[in-house]
Protein backbone atom coordinates (compact mmCIF):
# COMPACT_ATOMS: atom_id res chain seq x y z
CA MET A 1 -17.31 18.86 -0.25
CA GLN A 2 -19.24 18.04 2.89
CA ARG A 3 -17.61 16.57 5.96
CA LEU A 4 -17.57 12.86 5.44
CA ARG A 5 -20.04 10.26 6.55
CA LEU A 6 -19.81 6.50 6.56
CA SER A 7 -21.71 4.29 4.21
CA ALA A 8 -23.76 1.58 5.90
CA PRO A 9 -21.37 -1.36 5.28
CA ILE A 10 -18.37 0.65 6.46
CA ARG A 11 -20.22 2.06 9.46
CA ALA A 12 -20.89 -1.49 10.66
CA LEU A 13 -17.25 -2.46 10.30
CA ALA A 14 -16.09 0.69 12.06
CA ALA A 15 -18.22 -0.26 15.03
CA LEU A 16 -16.48 -3.63 15.15
CA CYS A 17 -13.03 -2.11 14.62
CA PRO A 18 -13.11 1.27 16.40
CA ALA A 19 -9.39 1.89 15.84
CA LEU A 20 -10.00 1.97 12.11
CA VAL A 21 -10.36 5.50 10.76
CA ILE A 22 -12.60 5.84 7.72
CA ALA A 23 -14.02 8.67 5.68
CA ALA A 24 -16.44 8.44 2.78
CA ALA A 25 -17.47 11.60 1.00
CA ALA A 26 -21.07 12.75 0.91
CA CYS A 27 -21.09 14.34 -2.52
CA ALA A 28 -24.52 15.92 -2.82
CA GLY A 29 -23.87 19.43 -4.08
CA CYS A 30 -20.18 18.79 -4.68
CA ALA A 31 -18.48 20.01 -7.82
CA PRO A 32 -18.02 17.21 -10.37
CA PRO A 33 -14.57 15.61 -10.68
CA LEU A 34 -12.20 17.19 -13.17
CA ALA A 35 -11.12 13.84 -14.54
CA SER A 36 -11.86 10.15 -14.24
CA SER A 37 -10.59 6.95 -15.76
CA GLY A 38 -13.64 7.04 -18.03
CA ASN A 39 -13.66 3.32 -18.80
CA ASP A 40 -14.21 -0.06 -17.19
CA GLY A 41 -10.53 -0.42 -16.31
CA VAL A 42 -8.93 0.25 -12.95
CA THR A 43 -5.57 1.88 -12.21
CA VAL A 44 -3.82 1.24 -8.90
CA MET A 45 -0.80 2.99 -7.43
CA SER A 46 1.12 2.00 -4.30
CA TRP A 47 3.58 4.48 -2.82
CA ASN A 48 5.53 4.96 0.40
CA LEU A 49 5.20 8.71 1.05
CA MET A 50 8.26 8.91 3.34
CA ASN A 51 7.01 10.04 6.76
CA LEU A 52 4.30 12.47 5.75
CA PHE A 53 3.32 13.95 9.14
CA ASP A 54 0.61 16.51 9.71
CA PRO A 55 1.60 19.99 11.01
CA VAL A 56 0.79 19.25 14.68
CA ASP A 57 3.18 17.84 17.29
CA SER A 58 1.40 14.84 18.81
CA GLY A 59 4.43 13.28 20.48
CA ASN A 60 4.27 10.19 18.28
CA GLU A 61 6.43 11.55 15.47
CA TYR A 62 9.88 10.21 14.68
CA ASP A 63 12.95 12.22 15.65
CA ASP A 64 13.73 15.17 13.38
CA TRP A 65 10.07 15.82 12.54
CA SER A 66 9.26 18.19 15.41
CA ILE A 67 7.49 21.47 14.77
CA ALA A 68 8.60 22.84 18.14
CA GLU A 69 12.24 22.12 17.26
CA GLY A 70 11.92 23.71 13.83
CA ASP A 71 12.32 20.44 11.90
CA TRP A 72 8.86 20.63 10.32
CA SER A 73 6.25 23.31 9.69
CA GLU A 74 2.83 24.06 8.25
CA ALA A 75 4.53 25.42 5.12
CA ASP A 76 6.59 22.23 4.75
CA TYR A 77 3.45 20.16 5.15
CA ARG A 78 1.57 22.08 2.47
CA MET A 79 4.57 21.83 0.15
CA ARG A 80 4.76 18.07 0.59
CA LEU A 81 1.04 17.67 -0.04
CA ALA A 82 1.45 19.58 -3.30
CA LEU A 83 4.46 17.46 -4.30
CA ALA A 84 2.65 14.21 -3.48
CA ALA A 85 -0.34 15.32 -5.55
CA LYS A 86 1.99 16.20 -8.43
CA VAL A 87 3.23 12.60 -8.49
CA ILE A 88 -0.26 11.11 -8.22
CA LEU A 89 -1.68 13.23 -11.03
CA ALA A 90 1.35 12.80 -13.29
CA SER A 91 1.33 9.00 -13.00
CA THR A 92 -1.79 8.59 -15.15
CA ALA A 93 -4.38 10.96 -16.62
CA GLY A 94 -6.53 12.33 -13.81
CA GLY A 95 -4.73 10.24 -11.21
CA PRO A 96 -5.12 6.51 -10.46
CA ASP A 97 -8.48 5.17 -9.35
CA LEU A 98 -6.88 3.76 -6.22
CA VAL A 99 -3.86 5.20 -4.38
CA LEU A 100 -2.45 2.94 -1.65
CA VAL A 101 -0.08 4.82 0.66
CA GLN A 102 2.38 3.99 3.38
CA GLU A 103 3.86 6.34 6.00
CA ALA A 104 0.97 8.79 6.28
CA GLU A 105 0.57 9.95 9.88
CA ASN A 106 -3.22 9.88 10.00
CA LEU A 107 -6.48 10.44 8.15
CA ARG A 108 -5.95 14.20 8.16
CA VAL A 109 -3.12 13.79 5.67
CA LEU A 110 -5.40 12.01 3.21
CA ASP A 111 -8.27 14.43 3.86
CA ASP A 112 -5.99 17.40 3.24
CA LEU A 113 -4.72 15.87 0.01
CA ALA A 114 -8.27 15.22 -1.21
CA ALA A 115 -9.55 18.67 -0.22
CA GLY A 116 -6.42 20.53 -1.34
CA PRO A 117 -4.17 19.70 -4.30
CA LEU A 118 -6.34 16.71 -5.30
CA ALA A 119 -9.64 18.62 -4.99
CA ARG A 120 -12.29 17.62 -7.53
CA ARG A 121 -10.25 14.63 -8.65
CA GLY A 122 -12.80 12.20 -7.22
CA TYR A 123 -10.93 10.85 -4.19
CA ASP A 124 -14.09 10.69 -2.12
CA TRP A 125 -13.25 7.50 -0.22
CA ARG A 126 -10.42 7.55 2.28
CA VAL A 127 -9.32 5.22 5.06
CA VAL A 128 -6.26 4.62 7.24
CA ALA A 129 -5.41 1.60 9.36
CA GLY A 130 -5.95 1.63 13.09
CA ASP A 131 -3.29 1.34 15.79
CA PRO A 132 -1.82 -2.18 15.98
CA GLY A 133 -1.36 -2.14 19.74
CA VAL A 134 -1.76 0.01 22.84
CA LEU A 135 0.50 2.84 21.67
CA PRO A 136 -0.51 5.09 18.74
CA ALA A 137 1.32 4.38 15.51
CA ALA A 138 3.71 7.05 14.22
CA VAL A 139 2.69 6.40 10.62
CA ARG A 140 0.01 4.27 9.00
CA VAL A 141 -1.04 2.74 5.72
CA GLY A 142 -4.06 4.20 3.99
CA VAL A 143 -6.13 4.54 0.85
CA LEU A 144 -7.34 7.34 -1.40
CA SER A 145 -10.01 5.94 -3.69
CA LYS A 146 -12.32 7.03 -6.48
CA LEU A 147 -13.99 3.62 -6.17
CA PRO A 148 -16.56 2.98 -3.43
CA ILE A 149 -15.08 1.20 -0.41
CA THR A 150 -17.67 -1.35 0.70
CA ALA A 151 -15.78 -2.82 3.67
CA ALA A 152 -12.60 -2.15 5.66
CA ARG A 153 -10.79 -3.55 8.65
CA SER A 154 -7.35 -3.58 10.32
CA HIS A 155 -5.29 -6.66 11.21
CA SER A 156 -2.22 -7.02 13.43
CA ALA A 157 0.37 -9.79 13.32
CA ALA A 158 1.16 -11.60 16.58
CA LEU A 159 4.86 -11.94 17.40
CA ALA A 160 6.69 -14.71 19.23
CA ASP A 161 7.19 -12.58 22.37
CA GLY A 162 3.45 -12.05 22.80
CA SER A 163 3.42 -8.52 21.36
CA VAL A 164 2.08 -7.46 17.97
CA ALA A 165 3.84 -6.03 14.94
CA ASP A 166 4.00 -2.24 15.13
CA ARG A 167 2.43 -1.75 11.68
CA ALA A 168 -1.16 -2.84 11.06
CA VAL A 169 -2.36 -4.32 7.79
CA LEU A 170 -5.36 -2.61 6.19
CA GLU A 171 -7.88 -4.75 4.31
CA ILE A 172 -10.45 -3.08 2.07
CA GLU A 173 -13.03 -4.27 -0.40
CA LEU A 174 -14.05 -2.05 -3.29
CA ASP A 175 -16.62 -1.95 -6.04
CA ALA A 176 -14.29 -1.89 -9.05
CA ALA A 177 -16.21 -1.38 -12.28
CA GLY A 178 -19.05 -3.46 -10.82
CA LEU A 179 -16.71 -6.22 -9.65
CA PRO A 180 -15.40 -6.90 -6.13
CA LEU A 181 -11.73 -6.16 -5.51
CA VAL A 182 -10.06 -6.96 -2.18
CA VAL A 183 -6.80 -5.18 -1.30
CA PHE A 184 -4.41 -5.69 1.60
CA VAL A 185 -2.24 -2.59 2.17
CA ASN A 186 1.01 -3.36 3.98
CA HIS A 187 4.09 -1.76 5.43
CA TRP A 188 6.19 -4.59 6.79
CA LYS A 189 9.01 -4.29 9.32
CA SER A 190 11.98 -2.24 8.13
CA ARG A 191 15.50 -3.66 7.97
CA SER A 192 16.79 -1.17 10.50
CA GLY A 193 18.52 -3.29 13.12
CA GLY A 194 19.78 -5.86 10.63
CA ASP A 195 18.27 -7.85 7.77
CA ALA A 196 18.35 -11.23 9.54
CA GLU A 197 17.43 -9.75 12.94
CA THR A 198 14.26 -8.12 11.61
CA GLU A 199 13.18 -10.92 9.29
CA GLY A 200 11.13 -12.66 11.95
CA GLU A 201 8.68 -9.78 12.20
CA ARG A 202 8.35 -9.61 8.42
CA ARG A 203 7.70 -13.37 8.38
CA ALA A 204 4.95 -12.90 10.99
CA GLN A 205 3.35 -10.17 8.89
CA ALA A 206 3.64 -12.35 5.78
CA GLY A 207 2.05 -15.26 7.62
CA LEU A 208 -0.85 -13.09 8.76
CA VAL A 209 -1.51 -11.89 5.21
CA ALA A 210 -1.13 -15.39 3.73
CA GLY A 211 -3.77 -16.68 6.15
CA LEU A 212 -6.15 -13.85 5.31
CA VAL A 213 -5.62 -14.32 1.58
CA ALA A 214 -6.26 -18.07 1.91
CA ALA A 215 -9.51 -17.40 3.79
CA ARG A 216 -10.78 -14.85 1.25
CA LEU A 217 -9.98 -17.08 -1.74
CA ALA A 218 -11.59 -20.09 -0.06
CA GLU A 219 -14.75 -18.05 0.48
CA ARG A 220 -14.75 -16.73 -3.10
CA PRO A 221 -12.60 -18.71 -5.53
CA GLY A 222 -11.36 -16.56 -8.40
CA LEU A 223 -11.63 -13.37 -6.35
CA ALA A 224 -9.65 -10.38 -7.65
CA LEU A 225 -7.24 -9.63 -4.80
CA LEU A 226 -4.08 -7.57 -4.31
CA VAL A 227 -1.37 -7.63 -1.64
CA ALA A 228 0.24 -4.24 -1.92
CA GLY A 229 2.68 -1.92 -0.23
CA ASP A 230 6.21 -1.59 1.06
CA LEU A 231 7.10 -5.12 2.10
CA ASN A 232 10.74 -4.22 2.79
CA GLU A 233 11.75 -7.28 0.83
CA ASP A 234 12.92 -7.79 -2.75
CA PRO A 235 11.49 -10.69 -4.78
CA SER A 236 15.05 -12.06 -5.03
CA GLU A 237 15.58 -11.97 -1.24
CA PHE A 238 15.28 -15.74 -0.83
CA ASP A 239 18.14 -16.23 -3.30
CA ARG A 240 20.34 -13.59 -1.67
CA VAL A 241 20.36 -14.88 1.92
CA ASP A 242 20.59 -18.18 3.79
CA TRP A 243 17.76 -17.70 6.30
CA PRO A 244 13.98 -18.07 5.91
CA THR A 245 12.46 -14.99 4.31
CA ALA A 246 8.99 -13.45 4.35
CA LEU A 247 8.57 -13.68 0.56
CA VAL A 248 9.32 -17.13 -0.85
CA PRO A 249 9.22 -18.38 -4.46
CA ALA A 250 6.56 -21.09 -4.63
CA GLU A 251 8.89 -23.47 -6.45
CA ARG A 252 11.23 -23.39 -3.43
CA SER A 253 8.53 -23.69 -0.78
CA ALA A 254 10.02 -26.91 0.64
CA GLU A 255 13.22 -25.09 1.62
CA ARG A 256 13.87 -23.23 4.89
CA PRO A 257 10.41 -23.38 6.52
CA ALA A 258 9.78 -20.95 9.39
CA LEU A 259 7.29 -21.00 12.25
CA GLU A 260 6.21 -17.36 11.88
CA GLY A 261 4.91 -17.72 8.34
CA ARG A 262 5.60 -16.63 4.78
CA LEU A 263 3.90 -15.46 1.59
CA LEU A 264 4.45 -17.51 -1.56
CA PHE A 265 4.70 -16.00 -5.04
CA ALA A 266 5.28 -17.12 -8.61
CA ALA A 267 5.73 -15.69 -12.09
CA SER A 268 2.29 -16.81 -13.24
CA GLY A 269 -1.08 -17.94 -11.95
CA SER A 270 -0.27 -21.61 -12.56
CA ALA A 271 -1.35 -24.07 -9.90
CA PHE A 272 1.20 -25.70 -7.60
CA PRO A 273 -0.12 -29.19 -6.76
CA GLY A 274 0.37 -30.22 -3.15
CA LEU A 275 0.62 -26.67 -1.82
CA GLU A 276 -2.14 -25.68 0.59
CA GLU A 277 -0.87 -22.10 0.92
CA PRO A 278 -2.02 -19.42 -1.52
CA VAL A 279 0.39 -18.48 -4.30
CA LEU A 280 0.23 -14.93 -5.61
CA VAL A 281 1.59 -13.64 -8.90
CA GLU A 282 4.59 -11.29 -8.63
CA PRO A 283 4.52 -8.82 -11.56
CA TRP A 284 8.09 -7.74 -10.80
CA ILE A 285 9.23 -11.00 -12.39
CA GLY A 286 10.18 -10.03 -15.93
CA ALA A 287 9.75 -6.29 -15.25
CA ASP A 288 12.45 -3.63 -15.15
CA GLY A 289 13.04 -0.99 -12.51
CA PHE A 290 13.47 -0.57 -8.78
CA THR A 291 11.76 1.42 -6.04
CA TYR A 292 14.37 1.93 -3.32
CA SER A 293 18.10 2.35 -2.95
CA TYR A 294 20.33 1.78 0.06
CA ARG A 295 24.11 1.99 -0.21
CA ASP A 296 23.85 2.00 -4.01
CA SER A 297 21.60 -1.07 -4.12
CA ARG A 298 18.60 -1.14 -6.44
CA ASP A 299 15.79 -2.93 -4.62
CA ARG A 300 12.17 -3.67 -5.47
CA LEU A 301 10.63 -3.35 -2.02
CA ASP A 302 7.25 -2.05 -3.16
CA HIS A 303 4.76 -4.56 -4.52
CA LEU A 304 1.38 -5.20 -6.11
CA LEU A 305 1.07 -8.98 -5.77
CA CYS A 306 -1.96 -10.37 -7.60
CA SER A 307 -4.29 -13.29 -7.04
CA PRO A 308 -4.60 -15.83 -9.89
CA GLY A 309 -8.08 -14.40 -10.50
CA LEU A 310 -6.43 -11.35 -12.06
CA TYR A 311 -4.89 -13.64 -14.71
CA ASP A 312 -7.80 -15.95 -15.57
CA GLY A 313 -9.07 -14.15 -18.67
CA ALA A 314 -12.30 -12.90 -17.10
CA GLY A 315 -13.28 -9.91 -14.98
CA LEU A 316 -10.39 -7.66 -13.95
CA GLU A 317 -7.10 -8.57 -15.64
CA LEU A 318 -3.63 -7.14 -15.11
CA GLU A 319 -2.50 -5.35 -18.26
CA SER A 320 0.62 -3.48 -17.18
CA PHE A 321 2.85 -2.95 -14.16
CA GLY A 322 5.90 -0.87 -13.38
CA VAL A 323 7.33 2.34 -12.01
CA PRO A 324 5.73 5.42 -13.63
CA GLU A 325 8.09 7.22 -16.02
CA LEU A 326 8.46 10.46 -14.07
CA PRO A 327 12.02 11.84 -14.39
CA PHE A 328 11.47 14.46 -11.67
CA LEU A 329 11.28 11.66 -9.06
CA TYR A 330 15.03 11.05 -9.43
CA GLY A 331 17.99 13.02 -8.19
CA PRO A 332 21.17 13.72 -10.21
CA ASP A 333 22.53 10.36 -9.03
CA GLY A 334 19.64 8.51 -10.64
CA LEU A 335 18.20 7.50 -7.25
CA PRO A 336 14.86 8.48 -5.68
CA PHE A 337 14.75 12.19 -4.80
CA GLY A 338 13.56 11.96 -1.21
CA TRP A 339 12.31 14.90 0.83
CA ASP A 340 15.28 17.03 1.91
CA PRO A 341 14.54 19.19 4.99
CA VAL A 342 17.41 21.54 4.15
CA LEU A 343 16.42 22.12 0.53
CA ARG A 344 12.72 21.95 1.46
CA ASP A 345 12.26 19.93 -1.69
CA GLY A 346 11.94 16.31 -2.81
CA TYR A 347 9.35 13.59 -2.95
CA SER A 348 10.10 10.26 -1.28
CA ASP A 349 12.94 7.81 -0.80
CA HIS A 350 10.66 5.26 -2.51
CA LEU A 351 9.37 5.27 -6.07
CA PRO A 352 5.72 4.39 -6.66
CA VAL A 353 4.49 1.34 -8.56
CA LEU A 354 1.51 1.52 -10.89
CA ALA A 355 -0.70 -1.22 -12.34
CA GLU A 356 -3.46 -1.05 -14.93
CA PHE A 357 -6.28 -3.57 -14.97
CA SER A 358 -8.78 -4.04 -17.79
CA ARG A 359 -12.20 -5.60 -17.62
CA ARG A 360 -12.81 -8.63 -19.80
CA ASP A 361 -16.00 -10.54 -20.38
CA ALA A 362 -15.87 -14.25 -19.64
């Protein structure tokens, strides 16, 4: 595969957003993909890779990931790429059309996946979010796609102290089976430092995304749109705590308002009269499973929230959602088998979520 070039729409956006890092494969002379979805449907995976750093010390890595200190190595990196590819390819035949990742250090990680263990699988479009502020991000959100990316940009949430959230949101638009699909890839503030203490930053990130979603749906009513990623919040969070949360059930929108913002969700695409904010459909409602465990909890922190346009009976329609049935992703305790630097084995401390969308004629 040739070194990547930008398509015209993406090149224009990259000029406007220079911190955004994009690659689009130039496939003339490339070997054909080994497998493809082969139909008009679209499969989407979202997965937190658990600090997948490249094999170069840049100084931005988290503690305990230093090559110089012997915490990390080229061999470890190649092993983790192979393990990540194993999960991607085992989740659905040939791999999902769209893989949305969190905690990848940079574009090299996605390039090395596509050129290495995912070679000839069709992941010719790759992009990672830019830096949210002055300092380089340790890890980023990104996309591996078999579908053409027609536009991309990064967004950063403003915080009350005048700074910005340390994790940028990536917005992409794709040509999905001839239909537009807009996706926001997120990695909201972790709970490290306390659930209540960190909620404000998650609310700011939720408010940013809610505003962007509202704008896109106002421009194109019925648009197929996803809000995906590790939101560090369970759908039941609002019921568990007594403070304003980032994710709020639409039917309880009058309770506990917060200045920073929020993102409303519901179990269906039904309208909520009187609400000016967008309401997304949460497929976790009525679904089994979890994606993360802390102190024996079973939390659903990883999401694929859908616009009502994915439930209107026309165009792309959600058909299924859940955690892929991959027993090797679990340890003997039944919890996610995260990368273990001593064993030099494991996948991630998060489980992926997978959704299948069909195409229906109006």
